[in-house]
Amino acid sequence: AFPVDASKVECFVAVLAAANYKSIPQYVDAVVAENEIRGFEITERDRRMIKRFKRAATRGQGPSKGVAPITLETLISLHKEVKGKQARLRVCLYTIACWFLLRGDEVVSLRCKDVERVTVAESKTDPRGEGVAREHGCICSDGVAGTLVCPVHNAEFVIEYRRRQEARPDDPL
C-alpha cells in the first residue's frame, strides 16, 4: 500500500526473495517510481536503506544464466525430427524467430497480415511502437540446411497452414 517507506520495501523484498525472484531490484524500482508518480516522497534515509535491501536481495545470485541459444544445428535437427503439422508449425515459427531475431513475445504477437515482410509492430527495442519491417530471401540453394531452414519457405508453410484454418489478417500467425 502506498505511500511506501523503507520498512514496507524491506517486507516486499523479503517476500520476493523467499519466492526466489531474480529481478527484485527492478520490482523495487517500479514500486518506488509508482510511489513518486502518486506524489509521495521517500526520505534520503529510506533511499539508502532501499539501496541496501536491493543489494542484499541479489547477493550470491551470480550472473544471469540466460537461455541456451538456438543454433543452426538445433534448427536442422528440429526440422528433421518434427512429426505432425502442429509441431511443424511450431518449428517453422522458431525458424522465423531466429532469422528475424525476434523475442518470444514478438513472435507470439505476429499477425497473419504482418507476413509478406515480417512486420514487428512494437518490441522491447522499439518503445515508441513505430514498428520495423525486416525481410530475407530464399536460401534453398544452400543445400539441405538451406532447404530446411529457409525463412521464405518456413513462412510460406505457416501462412498456408493458417490460411487453411481460415485465419483472418488480424488473427495470430
C-alpha atoms as a PDB file:
ATOM      1  CA  ALA A   1       0.000   0.000   0.000  1.00  0.00           C
ATOM      2  CA  PHE A   2       1.150   3.499  -0.741  1.00  0.00           C
ATOM      3  CA  PRO A   3       2.942   5.521   0.397  1.00  0.00           C
ATOM      4  CA  VAL A   4       5.938   3.219   0.741  1.00  0.00           C
ATOM      5  CA  ASP A   5       8.839   3.608   3.113  1.00  0.00           C
ATOM      6  CA  ALA A   6      11.912   1.522   3.910  1.00  0.00           C
ATOM      7  CA  SER A   7      10.043  -0.908   6.182  1.00  0.00           C
ATOM      8  CA  LYS A   8       7.394  -1.674   3.538  1.00  0.00           C
ATOM      9  CA  VAL A   9      10.047  -2.122   0.870  1.00  0.00           C
ATOM     10  CA  GLU A  10      12.030  -4.409   3.185  1.00  0.00           C
ATOM     11  CA  CYS A  11       8.949  -6.614   3.628  1.00  0.00           C
ATOM     12  CA  PHE A  12       8.311  -6.586  -0.137  1.00  0.00           C
ATOM     13  CA  VAL A  13      11.922  -7.585  -0.848  1.00  0.00           C
ATOM     14  CA  ALA A  14      11.765 -10.376   1.749  1.00  0.00           C
ATOM     15  CA  VAL A  15       8.651 -11.856   0.144  1.00  0.00           C
ATOM     16  CA  LEU A  16      10.164 -11.731  -3.352  1.00  0.00           C
ATOM     17  CA  ALA A  17      13.435 -13.243  -2.105  1.00  0.00           C
ATOM     18  CA  ALA A  18      11.555 -16.053  -0.332  1.00  0.00           C
ATOM     19  CA  ALA A  19       9.803 -16.792  -3.629  1.00  0.00           C
ATOM     20  CA  ASN A  20      13.205 -16.931  -5.416  1.00  0.00           C
ATOM     21  CA  TYR A  21      12.566 -13.930  -7.662  1.00  0.00           C
ATOM     22  CA  LYS A  22      15.679 -12.917  -9.593  1.00  0.00           C
ATOM     23  CA  SER A  23      14.655  -9.402 -10.689  1.00  0.00           C
ATOM     24  CA  ILE A  24      13.984  -7.916  -7.270  1.00  0.00           C
ATOM     25  CA  PRO A  25      15.772  -4.596  -7.949  1.00  0.00           C
ATOM     26  CA  GLN A  26      13.576  -3.978 -10.993  1.00  0.00           C
ATOM     27  CA  TYR A  27      10.403  -4.646  -8.997  1.00  0.00           C
ATOM     28  CA  VAL A  28      11.570  -2.370  -6.188  1.00  0.00           C
ATOM     29  CA  ASP A  29      12.430   0.387  -8.672  1.00  0.00           C
ATOM     30  CA  ALA A  30       8.939   0.064 -10.168  1.00  0.00           C
ATOM     31  CA  VAL A  31       7.312   0.382  -6.725  1.00  0.00           C
ATOM     32  CA  VAL A  32       9.444   3.416  -5.849  1.00  0.00           C
ATOM     33  CA  ALA A  33       8.627   5.031  -9.206  1.00  0.00           C
ATOM     34  CA  GLU A  34       4.895   4.410  -8.701  1.00  0.00           C
ATOM     35  CA  ASN A  35       5.180   5.899  -5.220  1.00  0.00           C
ATOM     36  CA  GLU A  36       6.661   9.075  -6.725  1.00  0.00           C
ATOM     37  CA  ILE A  37       4.067   9.184  -9.514  1.00  0.00           C
ATOM     38  CA  ARG A  38       1.379   9.159  -6.834  1.00  0.00           C
ATOM     39  CA  GLY A  39       3.001  12.223  -5.279  1.00  0.00           C
ATOM     40  CA  PHE A  40       4.686  10.586  -2.292  1.00  0.00           C
ATOM     41  CA  GLU A  41       8.304  11.247  -1.420  1.00  0.00           C
ATOM     42  CA  ILE A  42      10.855   8.867   0.007  1.00  0.00           C
ATOM     43  CA  THR A  43      13.321  10.276   2.508  1.00  0.00           C
ATOM     44  CA  GLU A  44      17.020  10.159   1.770  1.00  0.00           C
ATOM     45  CA  ARG A  45      17.493   7.766   4.690  1.00  0.00           C
ATOM     46  CA  ASP A  46      14.856   5.405   3.240  1.00  0.00           C
ATOM     47  CA  ARG A  47      16.509   5.627  -0.201  1.00  0.00           C
ATOM     48  CA  ARG A  48      19.817   4.481   1.308  1.00  0.00           C
ATOM     49  CA  MET A  49      18.072   1.617   3.104  1.00  0.00           C
ATOM     50  CA  ILE A  50      16.228   0.570  -0.067  1.00  0.00           C
ATOM     51  CA  LYS A  51      19.536   0.540  -1.940  1.00  0.00           C
ATOM     52  CA  ARG A  52      20.933  -1.839   0.711  1.00  0.00           C
ATOM     53  CA  PHE A  53      17.862  -4.093   0.502  1.00  0.00           C
ATOM     54  CA  LYS A  54      18.228  -4.364  -3.272  1.00  0.00           C
ATOM     55  CA  ARG A  55      21.917  -5.206  -2.964  1.00  0.00           C
ATOM     56  CA  ALA A  56      21.243  -7.814  -0.257  1.00  0.00           C
ATOM     57  CA  ALA A  57      18.474  -9.411  -2.320  1.00  0.00           C
ATOM     58  CA  THR A  58      20.816 -10.125  -5.230  1.00  0.00           C
ATOM     59  CA  ARG A  59      23.830 -11.153  -3.167  1.00  0.00           C
ATOM     60  CA  GLY A  60      25.024 -14.630  -4.068  1.00  0.00           C
ATOM     61  CA  GLN A  61      22.869 -14.972  -7.182  1.00  0.00           C
ATOM     62  CA  GLY A  62      25.821 -14.920  -9.545  1.00  0.00           C
ATOM     63  CA  PRO A  63      25.496 -13.928 -13.186  1.00  0.00           C
ATOM     64  CA  SER A  64      22.309 -14.494 -15.151  1.00  0.00           C
ATOM     65  CA  LYS A  65      22.161 -17.957 -16.630  1.00  0.00           C
ATOM     66  CA  GLY A  66      20.307 -16.874 -19.719  1.00  0.00           C
ATOM     67  CA  VAL A  67      18.850 -19.306 -22.189  1.00  0.00           C
ATOM     68  CA  ALA A  68      20.917 -21.552 -24.407  1.00  0.00           C
ATOM     69  CA  PRO A  69      20.982 -20.188 -27.956  1.00  0.00           C
ATOM     70  CA  ILE A  70      19.170 -21.994 -30.734  1.00  0.00           C
ATOM     71  CA  THR A  71      21.927 -22.977 -33.132  1.00  0.00           C
ATOM     72  CA  LEU A  72      21.650 -23.829 -36.810  1.00  0.00           C
ATOM     73  CA  GLU A  73      22.294 -27.460 -35.866  1.00  0.00           C
ATOM     74  CA  THR A  74      19.405 -27.338 -33.384  1.00  0.00           C
ATOM     75  CA  LEU A  75      17.037 -25.929 -36.017  1.00  0.00           C
ATOM     76  CA  ILE A  76      18.099 -28.525 -38.584  1.00  0.00           C
ATOM     77  CA  SER A  77      17.606 -31.296 -36.026  1.00  0.00           C
ATOM     78  CA  LEU A  78      14.150 -29.977 -35.093  1.00  0.00           C
ATOM     79  CA  HIS A  79      13.117 -29.860 -38.761  1.00  0.00           C
ATOM     80  CA  LYS A  80      14.369 -33.405 -39.389  1.00  0.00           C
ATOM     81  CA  GLU A  81      12.649 -34.877 -36.331  1.00  0.00           C
ATOM     82  CA  VAL A  82       9.339 -32.993 -36.398  1.00  0.00           C
ATOM     83  CA  LYS A  83       6.180 -35.087 -36.661  1.00  0.00           C
ATOM     84  CA  GLY A  84       2.742 -33.617 -37.279  1.00  0.00           C
ATOM     85  CA  LYS A  85       1.537 -30.323 -38.696  1.00  0.00           C
ATOM     86  CA  GLN A  86       1.123 -28.556 -35.352  1.00  0.00           C
ATOM     87  CA  ALA A  87       4.676 -29.445 -34.337  1.00  0.00           C
ATOM     88  CA  ARG A  88       5.971 -28.386 -37.755  1.00  0.00           C
ATOM     89  CA  LEU A  89       4.158 -25.079 -37.385  1.00  0.00           C
ATOM     90  CA  ARG A  90       5.973 -24.516 -34.095  1.00  0.00           C
ATOM     91  CA  VAL A  91       9.378 -25.402 -35.594  1.00  0.00           C
ATOM     92  CA  CYS A  92       8.722 -23.071 -38.542  1.00  0.00           C
ATOM     93  CA  LEU A  93       7.900 -20.267 -36.114  1.00  0.00           C
ATOM     94  CA  TYR A  94      11.150 -20.964 -34.199  1.00  0.00           C
ATOM     95  CA  THR A  95      12.988 -20.716 -37.513  1.00  0.00           C
ATOM     96  CA  ILE A  96      11.281 -17.449 -38.425  1.00  0.00           C
ATOM     97  CA  ALA A  97      12.081 -16.080 -34.960  1.00  0.00           C
ATOM     98  CA  CYS A  98      15.754 -16.961 -35.404  1.00  0.00           C
ATOM     99  CA  TRP A  99      16.017 -15.435 -38.869  1.00  0.00           C
ATOM    100  CA  PHE A 100      14.313 -12.227 -37.862  1.00  0.00           C
ATOM    101  CA  LEU A 101      15.908 -12.013 -34.391  1.00  0.00           C
ATOM    102  CA  LEU A 102      12.525 -11.982 -32.683  1.00  0.00           C
ATOM    103  CA  ARG A 103      11.899 -12.440 -28.990  1.00  0.00           C
ATOM    104  CA  GLY A 104       9.210 -14.866 -27.888  1.00  0.00           C
ATOM    105  CA  ASP A 105       6.675 -12.113 -27.216  1.00  0.00           C
ATOM    106  CA  GLU A 106       7.333 -10.632 -30.664  1.00  0.00           C
ATOM    107  CA  VAL A 107       6.698 -13.973 -32.405  1.00  0.00           C
ATOM    108  CA  VAL A 108       3.509 -14.526 -30.425  1.00  0.00           C
ATOM    109  CA  SER A 109       2.246 -11.055 -31.335  1.00  0.00           C
ATOM    110  CA  LEU A 110       2.748 -11.538 -35.104  1.00  0.00           C
ATOM    111  CA  ARG A 111      -0.474 -11.405 -37.105  1.00  0.00           C
ATOM    112  CA  CYS A 112      -1.165 -13.049 -40.445  1.00  0.00           C
ATOM    113  CA  LYS A 113      -1.149  -9.632 -42.130  1.00  0.00           C
ATOM    114  CA  ASP A 114       2.394  -8.998 -40.842  1.00  0.00           C
ATOM    115  CA  VAL A 115       3.947 -11.567 -43.142  1.00  0.00           C
ATOM    116  CA  GLU A 116       4.948 -10.515 -46.574  1.00  0.00           C
ATOM    117  CA  ARG A 117       7.767  -8.908 -44.836  1.00  0.00           C
ATOM    118  CA  VAL A 118       7.880  -9.674 -41.153  1.00  0.00           C
ATOM    119  CA  THR A 119       6.495  -6.506 -39.623  1.00  0.00           C
ATOM    120  CA  VAL A 120       7.291  -6.143 -35.940  1.00  0.00           C
ATOM    121  CA  ALA A 121       4.617  -3.712 -34.753  1.00  0.00           C
ATOM    122  CA  GLU A 122       6.332  -2.970 -31.446  1.00  0.00           C
ATOM    123  CA  SER A 123       9.012  -4.506 -29.306  1.00  0.00           C
ATOM    124  CA  LYS A 124      11.244  -4.012 -26.301  1.00  0.00           C
ATOM    125  CA  THR A 125      13.773  -2.211 -28.509  1.00  0.00           C
ATOM    126  CA  ASP A 126      11.058  -0.036 -30.087  1.00  0.00           C
ATOM    127  CA  PRO A 127       9.394   1.647 -27.100  1.00  0.00           C
ATOM    128  CA  ARG A 128       7.531   4.180 -29.250  1.00  0.00           C
ATOM    129  CA  GLY A 129       5.871   1.393 -31.239  1.00  0.00           C
ATOM    130  CA  GLU A 130       6.958   2.734 -34.617  1.00  0.00           C
ATOM    131  CA  GLY A 131       7.417  -0.779 -35.963  1.00  0.00           C
ATOM    132  CA  VAL A 132      10.059  -2.127 -38.298  1.00  0.00           C
ATOM    133  CA  ALA A 133       9.915  -4.274 -41.437  1.00  0.00           C
ATOM    134  CA  ARG A 134      12.503  -6.995 -41.967  1.00  0.00           C
ATOM    135  CA  GLU A 135      12.935  -9.242 -44.970  1.00  0.00           C
ATOM    136  CA  HIS A 136      15.041 -12.219 -46.077  1.00  0.00           C
ATOM    137  CA  GLY A 137      15.276 -14.095 -49.345  1.00  0.00           C
ATOM    138  CA  CYS A 138      15.103 -17.799 -50.147  1.00  0.00           C
ATOM    139  CA  ILE A 139      18.209 -19.807 -49.216  1.00  0.00           C
ATOM    140  CA  CYS A 140      17.131 -23.197 -50.579  1.00  0.00           C
ATOM    141  CA  SER A 141      20.116 -23.251 -52.952  1.00  0.00           C
ATOM    142  CA  ASP A 142      22.411 -23.583 -49.910  1.00  0.00           C
ATOM    143  CA  GLY A 143      21.922 -27.357 -49.716  1.00  0.00           C
ATOM    144  CA  VAL A 144      19.972 -29.418 -47.194  1.00  0.00           C
ATOM    145  CA  ALA A 145      20.436 -26.909 -44.381  1.00  0.00           C
ATOM    146  CA  GLY A 146      19.170 -24.106 -46.591  1.00  0.00           C
ATOM    147  CA  THR A 147      16.139 -26.112 -47.639  1.00  0.00           C
ATOM    148  CA  LEU A 148      15.191 -26.970 -44.048  1.00  0.00           C
ATOM    149  CA  VAL A 149      15.684 -23.536 -42.500  1.00  0.00           C
ATOM    150  CA  CYS A 150      14.769 -21.305 -45.445  1.00  0.00           C
ATOM    151  CA  PRO A 151      12.965 -18.280 -43.956  1.00  0.00           C
ATOM    152  CA  VAL A 152      10.801 -17.850 -47.046  1.00  0.00           C
ATOM    153  CA  HIS A 153       9.561 -21.434 -47.176  1.00  0.00           C
ATOM    154  CA  ASN A 154       9.073 -21.660 -43.420  1.00  0.00           C
ATOM    155  CA  ALA A 155       6.960 -18.503 -43.579  1.00  0.00           C
ATOM    156  CA  GLU A 156       5.033 -19.899 -46.569  1.00  0.00           C
ATOM    157  CA  PHE A 157       4.244 -23.073 -44.610  1.00  0.00           C
ATOM    158  CA  VAL A 158       2.957 -21.062 -41.650  1.00  0.00           C
ATOM    159  CA  ILE A 159       0.872 -18.758 -43.841  1.00  0.00           C
ATOM    160  CA  GLU A 160      -0.624 -21.653 -45.827  1.00  0.00           C
ATOM    161  CA  TYR A 161      -1.351 -23.564 -42.623  1.00  0.00           C
ATOM    162  CA  ARG A 162      -3.163 -20.547 -41.173  1.00  0.00           C
ATOM    163  CA  ARG A 163      -4.984 -19.928 -44.483  1.00  0.00           C
ATOM    164  CA  ARG A 164      -6.383 -23.483 -44.359  1.00  0.00           C
ATOM    165  CA  GLN A 165      -7.625 -22.691 -40.864  1.00  0.00           C
ATOM    166  CA  GLU A 166      -9.391 -19.672 -42.382  1.00  0.00           C
ATOM    167  CA  ALA A 167      -7.367 -17.231 -40.311  1.00  0.00           C
ATOM    168  CA  ARG A 168      -8.131 -13.577 -40.935  1.00  0.00           C
ATOM    169  CA  PRO A 169      -5.415 -10.916 -41.413  1.00  0.00           C
ATOM    170  CA  ASP A 170      -5.649  -9.771 -37.777  1.00  0.00           C
ATOM    171  CA  ASP A 171      -5.523 -13.315 -36.371  1.00  0.00           C
ATOM    172  CA  PRO A 172      -2.345 -14.539 -34.685  1.00  0.00           C
ATOM    173  CA  LEU A 173       0.165 -16.075 -37.045  1.00  0.00           C
END
